[in-house]
Amino acid sequence: MSRRGFLAASAGAAALAGISWAPAGAVPWGSASTIAPPPGFPSDIPLSQQAYANWSREIMLDSVWTATARHSGDVVTLANWAFDNGYTVRAKGTMHGWSPLTVVPGAPSDRVLLVDTMANLNSVVVQHGTPATITAGAGASIEAILTALEREGLGWANSPAIGELSIAGALAIGAHGATYPAVGETITPGQSYGSLSNLITEITVVAWDEGSNRYGLKTFRRSDDEITAFLTHLGRTFVTSVTLQGGENYRLRCQSFTDIPWQELFAAPGSPGRTYESFVEKSGRVEAIWFPFTQTPWLKVWTPTPVKPPESREVSGPYNYFFSDAIPEEVTTPLGMVAQGLQAATPLFGASQFGAVAAGLVLTDTDDLWGWSKDVLFYLRHTTLRVVAGGGAVITKRSNIGRVVHEMTSWLNERMTHYASLGQYPVNMPFEVRLCGVDDNGEVLVDSAGVPDLSAVRPRADRQDWDTAIWMNVVSIPGTAGLPAFLREMERWMVANYSGDYATFRPEWSKGWAFTDQAAYQDDEFLTSTVPATFRAGGDGNWDFAIATLDEHDPHRVFSNMFLDRVLPPS
């Protein structure tokens, strides 16, 4: 592939308009609106009729009333208006998620009010102290937060790959990165190897006040017992601002490898060679992306490196793998074939995806990068190709990393080979594996009541040696024939395999889970039994405490929806 052809890749992406996404324009309240106006709506708060579309376009509303909060007081006003008029209020950020935590497809939306957090609730203020902290409005982006921290010589060890996400949205689902300690490495004070939620020192939410019989602002400090329910809340509250700790910033080197056979990389634990666990031992921060029916994954390894290596290229900003967002012609052709139902093109599509990455790394000189942590941790735009994801987190001990990854990839290879022999290709995008630590209360530098109750990387009270969270996901194009059934089979296998004295499996809240043969989020047994069981294991009572606490501060379920009422039922 030529450099010219690769740099023109975005033109190819335009051919995928049916898979791409762009926000819909707003229709202000007035004569142009097509849905019934909300009764008695506060006249001074901007209101418009908007479409809603999540990242994969599987959750779409043609028209829903959306208010633009000018400040936190507006959110309080809207909550009380909703309570008086029988509406629910849902926070709206970038809509970058799969699960129906904001709105539910097919559910009535005539009494749903979305509240845009990103237009105005986006302030960012750094406070020096012990620890250094940053206070951000709900709609501030993770990138804006880390940029502000960076100016002060501060940062986070762990961050999602997409910097454009709103901080409140990321915290609601316990967002994480791919940062894990190398052997012998200790965390920089103020940072965390766990979820972003574990960095919170203070959080302000809209909560019910029994005395006034109204909703109002309530601030929880990390030492308050109730705060653990709010640190990861799945959308069962409305966060207006949050304060998070930070630590000394550092430089990272990110090396990419595309020449390691998957059998070597994902070999059984203790195997010689360039194995996933060997890279973890040396650097900790490891992500593998294995495209279907290819032999060599794309491996990214981040290593704390204070001084620039001669062979590395220094970067001064994020999103250096632009080929992850743009799609060259060599990829769009087989993608179009797959998207149109010609599943036999899947091996070609997998090969073309890997080829585009391998060529892109060389042509853009991005296979060995060095820079401040933010600039090498952020590598995806939130406008990248829309996919569906299934999988989750495996909580286990460090010595099990090789075993976990080997078992998963062996199972995946066997099942995909089996289905291909039948002429079926339910998976057409990569398998991804990365890891981080569990939420550790010892990493919190203020008095703390504990770690987030509903975080997928919450430690097991009865297994203090389980200090590792391994995130494994399979992604595919939405609508791929046989995909939900495959992900159901995979999910059930993961729950059964990663169990007992070996490990615990938990869903990744923002992605696909509770699969039936037809769709995600539909398996009632998984929603109401399996998921709670994974959090109740260990007997610490945190799951039930969180539900009860969230109910206590929103007894009228103004901040809920039909799906959340199933997952977190009234206590």
Protein backbone atom coordinates (compact mmCIF):
# COMPACT_ATOMS: atom_id res chain seq x y z
CA MET A 1 0.00 0.00 0.00
CA SER A 2 1.41 3.40 -0.93
CA ARG A 3 1.73 6.30 1.49
CA ARG A 4 -0.59 8.32 -0.79
CA GLY A 5 -3.17 5.54 -0.74
CA PHE A 6 -2.95 5.20 2.99
CA LEU A 7 -3.26 8.91 3.65
CA ALA A 8 -6.39 8.95 1.51
CA ALA A 9 -7.97 6.25 3.62
CA SER A 10 -10.61 8.48 5.09
CA ALA A 11 -12.23 8.70 1.67
CA GLY A 12 -12.77 4.97 1.82
CA ALA A 13 -14.38 5.32 5.19
CA ALA A 14 -17.03 7.57 3.66
CA ALA A 15 -18.30 4.59 1.73
CA LEU A 16 -19.38 3.07 5.02
CA ALA A 17 -21.98 5.66 5.84
CA GLY A 18 -24.36 2.99 6.98
CA ILE A 19 -21.88 1.90 9.65
CA SER A 20 -20.60 5.35 10.57
CA TRP A 21 -22.34 7.79 12.89
CA ALA A 22 -22.85 11.52 13.07
CA PRO A 23 -24.86 13.43 15.68
CA ALA A 24 -28.29 14.61 14.61
CA GLY A 25 -29.24 18.27 14.58
CA ALA A 26 -31.44 19.65 17.31
CA VAL A 27 -34.96 20.93 16.79
CA PRO A 28 -35.72 23.61 19.40
CA TRP A 29 -38.94 23.50 21.37
CA GLY A 30 -41.51 25.22 19.26
CA SER A 31 -43.52 24.94 16.10
CA ALA A 32 -40.96 22.68 14.39
CA SER A 33 -41.02 20.00 17.07
CA THR A 34 -42.86 16.79 16.29
CA ILE A 35 -43.30 15.21 19.73
CA ALA A 36 -45.55 16.35 22.55
CA PRO A 37 -44.00 19.12 24.62
CA PRO A 38 -43.15 18.30 28.23
CA PRO A 39 -45.72 19.93 30.54
CA GLY A 40 -44.73 22.94 32.61
CA PHE A 41 -41.10 22.74 31.55
CA PRO A 42 -38.82 25.40 33.12
CA SER A 43 -38.83 28.20 30.55
CA ASP A 44 -35.27 29.37 31.18
CA ILE A 45 -33.55 26.02 30.53
CA PRO A 46 -32.72 25.37 26.84
CA LEU A 47 -34.74 22.46 25.45
CA SER A 48 -34.68 20.82 22.04
CA GLN A 49 -35.91 17.72 20.27
CA GLN A 50 -32.95 15.55 19.30
CA ALA A 51 -32.18 12.12 17.96
CA TYR A 52 -30.17 9.72 20.10
CA ALA A 53 -27.75 7.18 18.63
CA ASN A 54 -25.24 5.18 20.62
CA TRP A 55 -21.86 4.17 19.29
CA SER A 56 -22.95 1.01 17.46
CA ARG A 57 -26.28 2.55 16.36
CA GLU A 58 -28.10 -0.32 18.01
CA ILE A 59 -29.84 2.11 20.37
CA MET A 60 -31.52 4.87 18.42
CA LEU A 61 -34.32 7.30 19.15
CA ASP A 62 -35.58 9.51 16.37
CA SER A 63 -36.82 12.16 18.77
CA VAL A 64 -36.30 12.69 22.48
CA TRP A 65 -36.45 15.89 24.50
CA THR A 66 -32.96 17.01 25.47
CA ALA A 67 -32.26 19.84 27.92
CA THR A 68 -28.94 21.68 28.11
CA ALA A 69 -28.01 22.26 31.72
CA ARG A 70 -26.24 25.60 32.15
CA HIS A 71 -25.01 24.74 35.64
CA SER A 72 -25.57 22.16 38.37
CA GLY A 73 -28.60 24.07 39.69
CA ASP A 74 -30.38 23.37 36.41
CA VAL A 75 -29.95 19.63 36.97
CA VAL A 76 -31.62 19.97 40.37
CA THR A 77 -34.47 21.96 38.81
CA LEU A 78 -34.89 19.31 36.11
CA ALA A 79 -34.87 16.45 38.62
CA ASN A 80 -37.65 18.08 40.64
CA TRP A 81 -39.61 18.90 37.49
CA ALA A 82 -39.27 15.24 36.42
CA PHE A 83 -40.42 14.03 39.82
CA ASP A 84 -43.48 16.32 39.69
CA ASN A 85 -44.41 15.26 36.15
CA GLY A 86 -43.62 11.55 36.07
CA TYR A 87 -40.50 11.77 33.89
CA THR A 88 -37.09 10.15 34.17
CA VAL A 89 -33.86 12.08 33.69
CA ARG A 90 -30.89 10.57 31.89
CA ALA A 91 -27.44 12.16 31.58
CA LYS A 92 -26.14 12.47 28.02
CA GLY A 93 -22.45 12.56 27.17
CA THR A 94 -20.77 11.30 23.98
CA MET A 95 -23.16 8.32 23.77
CA HIS A 96 -20.10 6.11 23.39
CA GLY A 97 -21.37 2.84 24.79
CA TRP A 98 -23.24 -0.28 23.86
CA SER A 99 -25.40 -1.11 26.87
CA PRO A 100 -28.85 0.44 27.48
CA LEU A 101 -27.83 2.26 30.65
CA THR A 102 -29.02 5.63 29.31
CA VAL A 103 -32.04 4.75 27.18
CA VAL A 104 -33.60 1.41 26.32
CA PRO A 105 -34.35 0.49 22.69
CA GLY A 106 -38.04 -0.18 22.17
CA ALA A 107 -39.03 1.30 25.52
CA PRO A 108 -41.38 4.31 25.61
CA SER A 109 -39.41 7.56 25.46
CA ASP A 110 -42.25 10.05 25.76
CA ARG A 111 -41.47 10.60 29.44
CA VAL A 112 -37.68 10.54 29.16
CA LEU A 113 -35.64 13.73 29.42
CA LEU A 114 -32.01 13.66 28.37
CA VAL A 115 -29.73 16.26 29.89
CA ASP A 116 -26.68 17.31 27.91
CA THR A 117 -23.71 17.52 30.26
CA MET A 118 -20.96 18.39 27.81
CA ALA A 119 -21.99 21.85 26.61
CA ASN A 120 -21.61 23.63 29.94
CA LEU A 121 -20.86 21.24 32.79
CA ASN A 122 -17.27 20.87 31.65
CA SER A 123 -15.08 22.94 33.97
CA VAL A 124 -11.64 21.59 34.94
CA VAL A 125 -9.62 22.92 37.89
CA VAL A 126 -6.36 21.47 39.26
CA GLN A 127 -5.62 21.79 42.97
CA HIS A 128 -2.10 21.30 44.27
CA GLY A 129 -1.91 19.61 47.63
CA THR A 130 -1.44 16.24 49.23
CA PRO A 131 -2.71 14.61 47.16
CA ALA A 132 -2.91 16.79 44.07
CA THR A 133 -6.48 16.69 42.76
CA ILE A 134 -8.55 17.84 39.83
CA THR A 135 -12.20 18.87 40.04
CA ALA A 136 -14.20 18.44 36.85
CA GLY A 137 -17.76 18.99 35.74
CA ALA A 138 -19.70 15.94 34.62
CA GLY A 139 -19.23 16.74 30.93
CA ALA A 140 -15.49 17.41 30.98
CA SER A 141 -13.66 15.01 28.68
CA ILE A 142 -10.98 12.67 29.99
CA GLU A 143 -8.60 14.29 27.50
CA ALA A 144 -9.34 17.78 28.88
CA ILE A 145 -8.71 16.50 32.40
CA LEU A 146 -5.42 14.81 31.55
CA THR A 147 -4.30 17.81 29.49
CA ALA A 148 -4.88 20.07 32.51
CA LEU A 149 -3.05 17.63 34.79
CA GLU A 150 -0.17 17.37 32.34
CA ARG A 151 0.36 21.16 32.41
CA GLU A 152 0.96 20.80 36.15
CA GLY A 153 3.32 17.86 35.84
CA LEU A 154 0.60 15.39 36.84
CA GLY A 155 -1.22 12.46 35.25
CA TRP A 156 -2.89 9.08 35.64
CA ALA A 157 -1.34 5.70 35.14
CA ASN A 158 -4.55 4.23 33.76
CA SER A 159 -6.88 5.65 31.15
CA PRO A 160 -9.22 4.42 28.41
CA ALA A 161 -7.85 4.58 24.88
CA ILE A 162 -10.50 7.17 23.93
CA GLY A 163 -9.91 10.57 25.48
CA GLU A 164 -13.09 12.23 24.22
CA LEU A 165 -15.36 10.41 26.69
CA SER A 166 -17.10 12.46 29.38
CA ILE A 167 -15.68 11.87 32.84
CA ALA A 168 -19.09 11.24 34.41
CA GLY A 169 -19.95 8.66 31.76
CA ALA A 170 -16.60 6.93 32.21
CA LEU A 171 -16.97 6.82 35.99
CA ALA A 172 -20.55 5.55 35.81
CA ILE A 173 -19.35 2.27 34.32
CA GLY A 174 -15.95 2.04 36.02
CA ALA A 175 -13.88 2.76 32.92
CA HIS A 176 -10.32 1.48 32.88
CA GLY A 177 -7.18 1.34 30.82
CA ALA A 178 -4.47 -1.20 30.09
CA THR A 179 -2.00 -0.29 32.84
CA TYR A 180 -0.64 -3.05 35.03
CA PRO A 181 2.58 -3.20 37.05
CA ALA A 182 5.66 -4.88 35.72
CA VAL A 183 7.38 -7.26 38.13
CA GLY A 184 8.77 -5.15 40.96
CA GLU A 185 7.04 -1.94 39.86
CA THR A 186 5.20 0.17 42.44
CA ILE A 187 2.48 2.71 41.73
CA THR A 188 3.32 6.40 41.70
CA PRO A 189 1.48 7.98 44.67
CA GLY A 190 -1.79 9.53 43.53
CA GLN A 191 -2.29 7.13 40.64
CA SER A 192 -4.08 3.80 40.42
CA TYR A 193 -3.76 0.57 38.46
CA GLY A 194 -7.51 -0.02 38.82
CA SER A 195 -10.57 1.76 37.43
CA LEU A 196 -10.83 5.54 37.11
CA SER A 197 -13.54 5.37 39.79
CA ASN A 198 -10.89 4.42 42.35
CA LEU A 199 -9.29 7.86 41.88
CA ILE A 200 -12.35 9.73 43.20
CA THR A 201 -11.85 11.73 46.39
CA GLU A 202 -15.17 13.60 46.30
CA ILE A 203 -18.34 13.44 44.20
CA THR A 204 -21.42 15.67 43.97
CA VAL A 205 -24.72 14.14 42.87
CA VAL A 206 -28.38 15.05 42.72
CA ALA A 207 -30.02 13.23 45.63
CA TRP A 208 -33.40 13.09 47.34
CA ASP A 209 -33.72 15.03 50.56
CA GLU A 210 -36.33 13.54 52.86
CA GLY A 211 -36.63 16.71 54.92
CA SER A 212 -37.58 19.00 52.05
CA ASN A 213 -39.24 16.31 49.98
CA ARG A 214 -37.21 17.54 46.99
CA TYR A 215 -34.07 16.70 45.10
CA GLY A 216 -30.93 18.72 45.81
CA LEU A 217 -27.14 18.58 45.48
CA LYS A 218 -25.28 16.32 47.86
CA THR A 219 -21.51 15.95 48.12
CA PHE A 220 -19.87 12.74 49.33
CA ARG A 221 -16.27 12.61 50.49
CA ARG A 222 -14.24 9.44 50.03
CA SER A 223 -14.42 8.83 53.79
CA ASP A 224 -18.25 8.77 53.76
CA ASP A 225 -19.59 5.22 53.97
CA GLU A 226 -22.23 5.79 51.29
CA ILE A 227 -19.81 7.02 48.63
CA THR A 228 -18.80 3.51 47.58
CA ALA A 229 -22.22 3.08 45.91
CA PHE A 230 -21.72 6.23 43.82
CA LEU A 231 -18.15 5.66 42.61
CA THR A 232 -19.48 3.32 39.87
CA HIS A 233 -23.25 3.71 39.69
CA LEU A 234 -24.36 2.52 36.19
CA GLY A 235 -26.52 5.61 35.72
CA ARG A 236 -28.56 5.29 38.95
CA THR A 237 -27.67 8.83 39.96
CA PHE A 238 -26.76 12.12 38.27
CA VAL A 239 -23.22 13.31 38.89
CA THR A 240 -22.67 17.07 38.50
CA SER A 241 -18.99 17.26 39.48
CA VAL A 242 -16.21 15.05 40.72
CA THR A 243 -12.78 15.43 42.28
CA LEU A 244 -10.07 12.88 41.48
CA GLN A 245 -6.52 12.48 42.69
CA GLY A 246 -3.50 12.57 40.41
CA GLY A 247 0.16 11.67 40.63
CA GLU A 248 3.45 12.71 39.07
CA ASN A 249 3.35 12.42 35.29
CA TYR A 250 5.77 10.14 33.50
CA ARG A 251 7.03 9.20 30.05
CA LEU A 252 6.00 6.05 28.27
CA ARG A 253 7.40 4.12 25.37
CA CYS A 254 4.91 2.20 23.22
CA GLN A 255 6.29 -0.51 20.96
CA SER A 256 4.19 -2.38 18.42
CA PHE A 257 4.94 -5.93 17.26
CA THR A 258 3.25 -7.65 14.33
CA ASP A 259 5.54 -10.64 13.82
CA ILE A 260 4.76 -12.92 16.75
CA PRO A 261 2.65 -16.00 15.83
CA TRP A 262 -0.46 -16.22 17.98
CA GLN A 263 0.50 -19.74 19.08
CA GLU A 264 3.70 -18.30 20.58
CA LEU A 265 2.17 -15.14 22.00
CA PHE A 266 -0.76 -16.93 23.63
CA ALA A 267 1.15 -20.07 24.59
CA ALA A 268 0.47 -22.09 27.73
CA PRO A 269 1.84 -20.60 30.96
CA GLY A 270 5.55 -21.10 31.46
CA SER A 271 6.24 -21.56 27.74
CA PRO A 272 9.44 -20.10 26.29
CA GLY A 273 9.52 -17.33 23.71
CA ARG A 274 7.74 -14.05 23.20
CA THR A 275 4.65 -14.83 25.27
CA TYR A 276 1.99 -12.46 26.53
CA GLU A 277 2.93 -13.21 30.13
CA SER A 278 6.64 -12.53 29.44
CA PHE A 279 5.81 -9.05 28.13
CA VAL A 280 3.63 -8.48 31.20
CA GLU A 281 6.51 -9.44 33.49
CA LYS A 282 8.82 -6.91 31.82
CA SER A 283 6.44 -4.00 31.12
CA GLY A 284 3.04 -4.75 32.68
CA ARG A 285 1.16 -2.69 30.10
CA VAL A 286 0.29 -5.05 27.26
CA GLU A 287 -2.54 -5.18 24.73
CA ALA A 288 -2.98 -7.76 21.98
CA ILE A 289 -5.37 -7.31 19.05
CA TRP A 290 -5.87 -10.53 17.07
CA PHE A 291 -7.70 -10.17 13.78
CA PRO A 292 -9.79 -13.19 12.70
CA PHE A 293 -8.09 -15.90 10.71
CA THR A 294 -4.68 -14.21 10.87
CA GLN A 295 -1.49 -15.67 12.29
CA THR A 296 0.20 -12.71 14.00
CA PRO A 297 -1.66 -10.31 16.32
CA TRP A 298 -0.92 -6.60 16.75
CA LEU A 299 0.82 -6.40 20.11
CA LYS A 300 1.28 -3.07 21.90
CA VAL A 301 3.64 -2.85 24.87
CA TRP A 302 3.91 0.30 26.99
CA THR A 303 6.99 0.68 29.20
CA PRO A 304 7.77 3.55 31.62
CA THR A 305 10.87 5.07 30.04
CA PRO A 306 12.24 8.35 31.48
CA VAL A 307 14.73 8.98 28.65
CA LYS A 308 13.85 8.72 24.96
CA PRO A 309 15.42 5.63 23.34
CA PRO A 310 17.34 6.49 20.15
CA GLU A 311 15.07 4.27 18.03
CA SER A 312 11.79 5.74 19.36
CA ARG A 313 9.90 8.63 17.79
CA GLU A 314 8.83 11.36 20.19
CA VAL A 315 5.19 12.42 20.02
CA SER A 316 3.69 15.60 21.43
CA GLY A 317 0.00 14.76 21.16
CA PRO A 318 -2.41 11.78 21.29
CA TYR A 319 -4.12 9.64 18.60
CA ASN A 320 -1.02 8.75 16.66
CA TYR A 321 -2.49 5.63 15.02
CA PHE A 322 -4.78 7.47 12.67
CA PHE A 323 -5.15 4.29 10.62
CA SER A 324 -7.28 2.93 13.47
CA ASP A 325 -9.91 5.51 12.51
CA ALA A 326 -9.55 5.71 8.76
CA ILE A 327 -10.29 2.74 6.55
CA PRO A 328 -8.21 2.19 3.41
CA GLU A 329 -9.72 0.84 0.21
CA GLU A 330 -8.01 -2.50 0.77
CA VAL A 331 -10.24 -2.91 3.84
CA THR A 332 -13.46 -1.29 2.69
CA THR A 333 -13.98 -3.75 -0.16
CA PRO A 334 -14.04 -6.94 1.95
CA LEU A 335 -15.80 -5.02 4.74
CA GLY A 336 -18.55 -4.09 2.32
CA MET A 337 -18.82 -7.74 1.30
CA VAL A 338 -19.08 -8.87 4.93
CA ALA A 339 -21.53 -6.10 5.85
CA GLN A 340 -23.75 -7.12 2.95
CA GLY A 341 -23.91 -10.70 4.14
CA LEU A 342 -21.12 -12.40 2.18
CA GLN A 343 -19.61 -13.97 5.27
CA ALA A 344 -17.16 -16.10 3.33
CA ALA A 345 -15.19 -12.89 2.84
CA THR A 346 -14.41 -12.81 6.59
CA PRO A 347 -10.89 -14.35 6.31
CA LEU A 348 -10.05 -11.80 3.61
CA PHE A 349 -11.45 -9.05 5.79
CA GLY A 350 -9.37 -10.21 8.76
CA ALA A 351 -6.23 -10.30 6.64
CA SER A 352 -6.96 -6.85 5.23
CA GLN A 353 -7.48 -5.39 8.71
CA PHE A 354 -4.14 -6.74 9.88
CA GLY A 355 -2.45 -5.66 6.64
CA ALA A 356 -3.71 -2.12 7.08
CA VAL A 357 -2.34 -2.01 10.64
CA ALA A 358 1.03 -3.50 9.72
CA ALA A 359 1.40 -1.13 6.76
CA GLY A 360 0.14 1.83 8.76
CA LEU A 361 2.69 1.32 11.54
CA VAL A 362 5.52 1.36 9.02
CA LEU A 363 4.25 4.12 6.74
CA THR A 364 3.45 6.47 9.61
CA ASP A 365 6.53 5.55 11.70
CA THR A 366 4.40 4.70 14.71
CA ASP A 367 5.71 1.27 15.67
CA ASP A 368 7.93 2.76 18.41
CA LEU A 369 6.60 5.89 20.14
CA TRP A 370 7.78 7.86 23.16
CA GLY A 371 6.09 10.71 24.98
CA TRP A 372 4.09 11.78 28.00
CA SER A 373 1.71 9.11 29.23
CA LYS A 374 -1.46 10.74 27.88
CA ASP A 375 -0.06 11.02 24.37
CA VAL A 376 0.69 7.32 24.04
CA LEU A 377 -2.28 6.00 26.06
CA PHE A 378 -4.91 7.79 23.92
CA TYR A 379 -4.91 6.01 20.59
CA LEU A 380 -8.55 5.82 19.45
CA ARG A 381 -11.05 8.48 18.44
CA HIS A 382 -14.61 7.92 19.54
CA THR A 383 -15.63 8.20 15.88
CA THR A 384 -13.79 5.04 14.87
CA LEU A 385 -15.55 2.13 13.14
CA ARG A 386 -18.75 1.00 14.86
CA VAL A 387 -18.56 -2.49 16.26
CA VAL A 388 -20.37 -4.73 18.73
CA ALA A 389 -18.40 -6.23 21.61
CA GLY A 390 -18.85 -9.19 23.94
CA GLY A 391 -16.66 -10.50 26.75
CA GLY A 392 -15.69 -9.04 30.09
CA ALA A 393 -13.18 -9.09 32.93
CA VAL A 394 -11.54 -12.09 34.56
CA ILE A 395 -10.46 -11.40 38.14
CA THR A 396 -7.62 -13.67 39.23
CA LYS A 397 -4.07 -13.67 40.60
CA ARG A 398 -1.02 -12.56 38.70
CA SER A 399 0.39 -16.04 38.25
CA ASN A 400 -2.72 -17.04 36.28
CA ILE A 401 -2.36 -14.46 33.47
CA GLY A 402 -0.78 -16.88 31.00
CA ARG A 403 -3.34 -19.57 31.76
CA VAL A 404 -6.32 -17.21 31.39
CA VAL A 405 -5.19 -15.87 28.01
CA HIS A 406 -4.12 -19.28 26.68
CA GLU A 407 -7.45 -20.90 27.56
CA MET A 408 -9.45 -18.07 26.01
CA THR A 409 -7.55 -17.96 22.73
CA SER A 410 -7.51 -21.77 22.43
CA TRP A 411 -11.27 -21.84 22.88
CA LEU A 412 -11.77 -18.98 20.44
CA ASN A 413 -9.59 -20.55 17.75
CA GLU A 414 -11.34 -23.91 18.09
CA ARG A 415 -14.83 -22.41 17.89
CA MET A 416 -14.10 -20.07 15.00
CA THR A 417 -12.44 -22.92 13.07
CA HIS A 418 -15.47 -25.09 13.78
CA TYR A 419 -17.96 -22.52 12.55
CA ALA A 420 -15.85 -21.77 9.48
CA SER A 421 -15.97 -25.48 8.57
CA LEU A 422 -19.76 -25.09 8.50
CA GLY A 423 -19.49 -21.98 6.31
CA GLN A 424 -20.38 -19.70 9.25
CA TYR A 425 -18.43 -16.62 10.28
CA PRO A 426 -20.13 -15.00 13.29
CA VAL A 427 -16.96 -13.06 14.23
CA ASN A 428 -15.35 -10.70 11.71
CA MET A 429 -13.41 -8.24 13.87
CA PRO A 430 -10.61 -8.78 16.37
CA PHE A 431 -10.21 -10.41 19.73
CA GLU A 432 -8.66 -7.95 22.21
CA VAL A 433 -6.93 -8.65 25.50
CA ARG A 434 -5.47 -6.17 27.98
CA LEU A 435 -5.19 -6.00 31.74
CA CYS A 436 -5.14 -3.73 34.75
CA GLY A 437 -5.12 -4.06 38.51
CA VAL A 438 -8.12 -4.44 40.78
CA ASP A 439 -9.36 -1.39 42.69
CA ASP A 440 -6.99 -1.04 45.63
CA ASN A 441 -8.02 1.06 48.63
CA GLY A 442 -4.31 1.43 49.45
CA GLU A 443 -3.88 3.58 46.33
CA VAL A 444 -6.31 6.19 47.69
CA LEU A 445 -4.37 8.97 49.41
CA VAL A 446 -7.27 10.37 51.47
CA ASP A 447 -9.33 8.69 54.18
CA SER A 448 -11.44 6.16 52.30
CA ALA A 449 -14.55 4.15 53.07
CA GLY A 450 -13.55 1.58 50.46
CA VAL A 451 -13.44 0.81 46.75
CA PRO A 452 -16.33 1.15 44.28
CA ASP A 453 -19.06 -1.40 45.09
CA LEU A 454 -20.17 -1.94 41.50
CA SER A 455 -16.80 -1.78 39.76
CA ALA A 456 -16.08 -4.79 37.57
CA VAL A 457 -12.55 -4.76 39.01
CA ARG A 458 -13.61 -4.67 42.65
CA PRO A 459 -11.44 -7.12 44.60
CA ARG A 460 -12.89 -10.27 46.15
CA ALA A 461 -13.02 -9.90 49.93
CA ASP A 462 -12.16 -13.58 50.36
CA ARG A 463 -9.36 -13.64 47.77
CA GLN A 464 -6.85 -10.91 48.53
CA ASP A 465 -4.37 -12.66 46.21
CA TRP A 466 -6.63 -11.97 43.21
CA ASP A 467 -5.00 -8.69 42.23
CA THR A 468 -5.41 -8.80 38.45
CA ALA A 469 -8.19 -7.97 35.99
CA ILE A 470 -7.82 -9.38 32.48
CA TRP A 471 -10.15 -7.78 29.95
CA MET A 472 -11.02 -9.95 26.97
CA ASN A 473 -13.45 -8.97 24.24
CA VAL A 474 -14.52 -10.15 20.80
CA VAL A 475 -15.85 -7.51 18.41
CA SER A 476 -17.81 -7.70 15.16
CA ILE A 477 -19.84 -5.59 12.78
CA PRO A 478 -23.39 -4.97 14.07
CA GLY A 479 -25.93 -7.28 12.46
CA THR A 480 -23.48 -10.09 11.65
CA ALA A 481 -25.41 -13.35 11.24
CA GLY A 482 -24.92 -15.68 14.19
CA LEU A 483 -23.04 -13.12 16.31
CA PRO A 484 -25.37 -12.94 19.35
CA ALA A 485 -25.54 -16.75 19.58
CA PHE A 486 -21.74 -16.97 19.38
CA LEU A 487 -21.29 -14.33 22.09
CA ARG A 488 -23.86 -16.13 24.25
CA GLU A 489 -21.86 -19.35 23.88
CA MET A 490 -18.64 -17.48 24.70
CA GLU A 491 -20.09 -15.65 27.67
CA ARG A 492 -21.44 -18.86 29.22
CA TRP A 493 -18.10 -20.58 28.65
CA MET A 494 -16.22 -17.70 30.30
CA VAL A 495 -18.53 -17.72 33.34
CA ALA A 496 -18.08 -21.50 33.75
CA ASN A 497 -14.37 -21.65 32.98
CA TYR A 498 -13.19 -18.70 35.04
CA SER A 499 -14.74 -19.79 38.31
CA GLY A 500 -14.17 -21.56 41.61
CA ASP A 501 -10.72 -21.21 43.20
CA TYR A 502 -9.29 -20.07 39.86
CA ALA A 503 -11.02 -16.82 38.94
CA THR A 504 -14.25 -14.80 38.71
CA PHE A 505 -15.81 -13.47 35.51
CA ARG A 506 -17.66 -10.14 35.50
CA PRO A 507 -19.32 -8.28 32.63
CA GLU A 508 -17.89 -5.04 31.27
CA TRP A 509 -20.79 -2.70 31.96
CA SER A 510 -20.47 -0.53 28.86
CA LYS A 511 -20.18 -3.41 26.38
CA GLY A 512 -22.27 -6.45 25.42
CA TRP A 513 -23.42 -9.00 28.00
CA ALA A 514 -26.44 -11.11 28.97
CA PHE A 515 -26.73 -12.47 25.44
CA THR A 516 -29.54 -14.58 24.07
CA ASP A 517 -29.28 -16.12 20.61
CA GLN A 518 -30.89 -12.95 19.27
CA ALA A 519 -29.46 -10.00 21.21
CA ALA A 520 -27.50 -8.69 24.16
CA TYR A 521 -29.02 -7.61 27.50
CA GLN A 522 -31.94 -10.04 27.16
CA ASP A 523 -30.97 -13.14 29.14
CA ASP A 524 -33.02 -12.78 32.27
CA GLU A 525 -31.13 -15.43 34.21
CA PHE A 526 -27.82 -13.70 33.48
CA LEU A 527 -29.22 -10.27 34.38
CA THR A 528 -30.94 -11.24 37.60
CA SER A 529 -28.90 -14.18 38.88
CA THR A 530 -25.47 -14.60 37.25
CA VAL A 531 -24.38 -10.96 37.46
CA PRO A 532 -25.36 -10.42 41.11
CA ALA A 533 -23.70 -13.72 41.99
CA THR A 534 -20.37 -12.59 40.53
CA PHE A 535 -20.44 -9.53 42.79
CA ARG A 536 -21.81 -11.27 45.87
CA ALA A 537 -19.10 -13.92 45.70
CA GLY A 538 -16.80 -13.34 48.60
CA GLY A 539 -19.64 -12.42 50.94
CA ASP A 540 -18.86 -8.72 51.45
CA GLY A 541 -22.43 -7.50 50.83
CA ASN A 542 -21.29 -4.64 48.61
CA TRP A 543 -23.71 -5.40 45.76
CA ASP A 544 -26.79 -5.19 47.97
CA PHE A 545 -25.42 -2.20 49.89
CA ALA A 546 -24.96 -0.30 46.62
CA ILE A 547 -28.50 -0.99 45.42
CA ALA A 548 -29.98 0.03 48.78
CA THR A 549 -27.89 3.20 48.97
CA LEU A 550 -28.70 4.31 45.42
CA ASP A 551 -32.38 3.66 46.13
CA GLU A 552 -32.23 5.67 49.34
CA HIS A 553 -30.93 8.72 47.46
CA ASP A 554 -33.27 8.27 44.50
CA PRO A 555 -36.33 6.50 45.95
CA HIS A 556 -38.55 7.66 43.09
CA ARG A 557 -36.16 6.28 40.45
CA VAL A 558 -36.03 9.55 38.56
CA PHE A 559 -32.51 8.44 37.55
CA SER A 560 -33.31 5.02 36.15
CA ASN A 561 -34.85 3.17 33.21
CA MET A 562 -36.55 -0.17 32.50
CA PHE A 563 -33.23 -1.97 32.02
CA LEU A 564 -31.66 -0.64 35.20
CA ASP A 565 -34.80 -1.62 37.08
CA ARG A 566 -34.03 -5.22 36.10
CA VAL A 567 -30.28 -5.14 36.78
CA LEU A 568 -30.49 -3.08 39.99
CA PRO A 569 -34.05 -3.82 41.17
CA PRO A 570 -35.62 -1.84 44.01
CA SER A 571 -34.17 -2.99 47.30
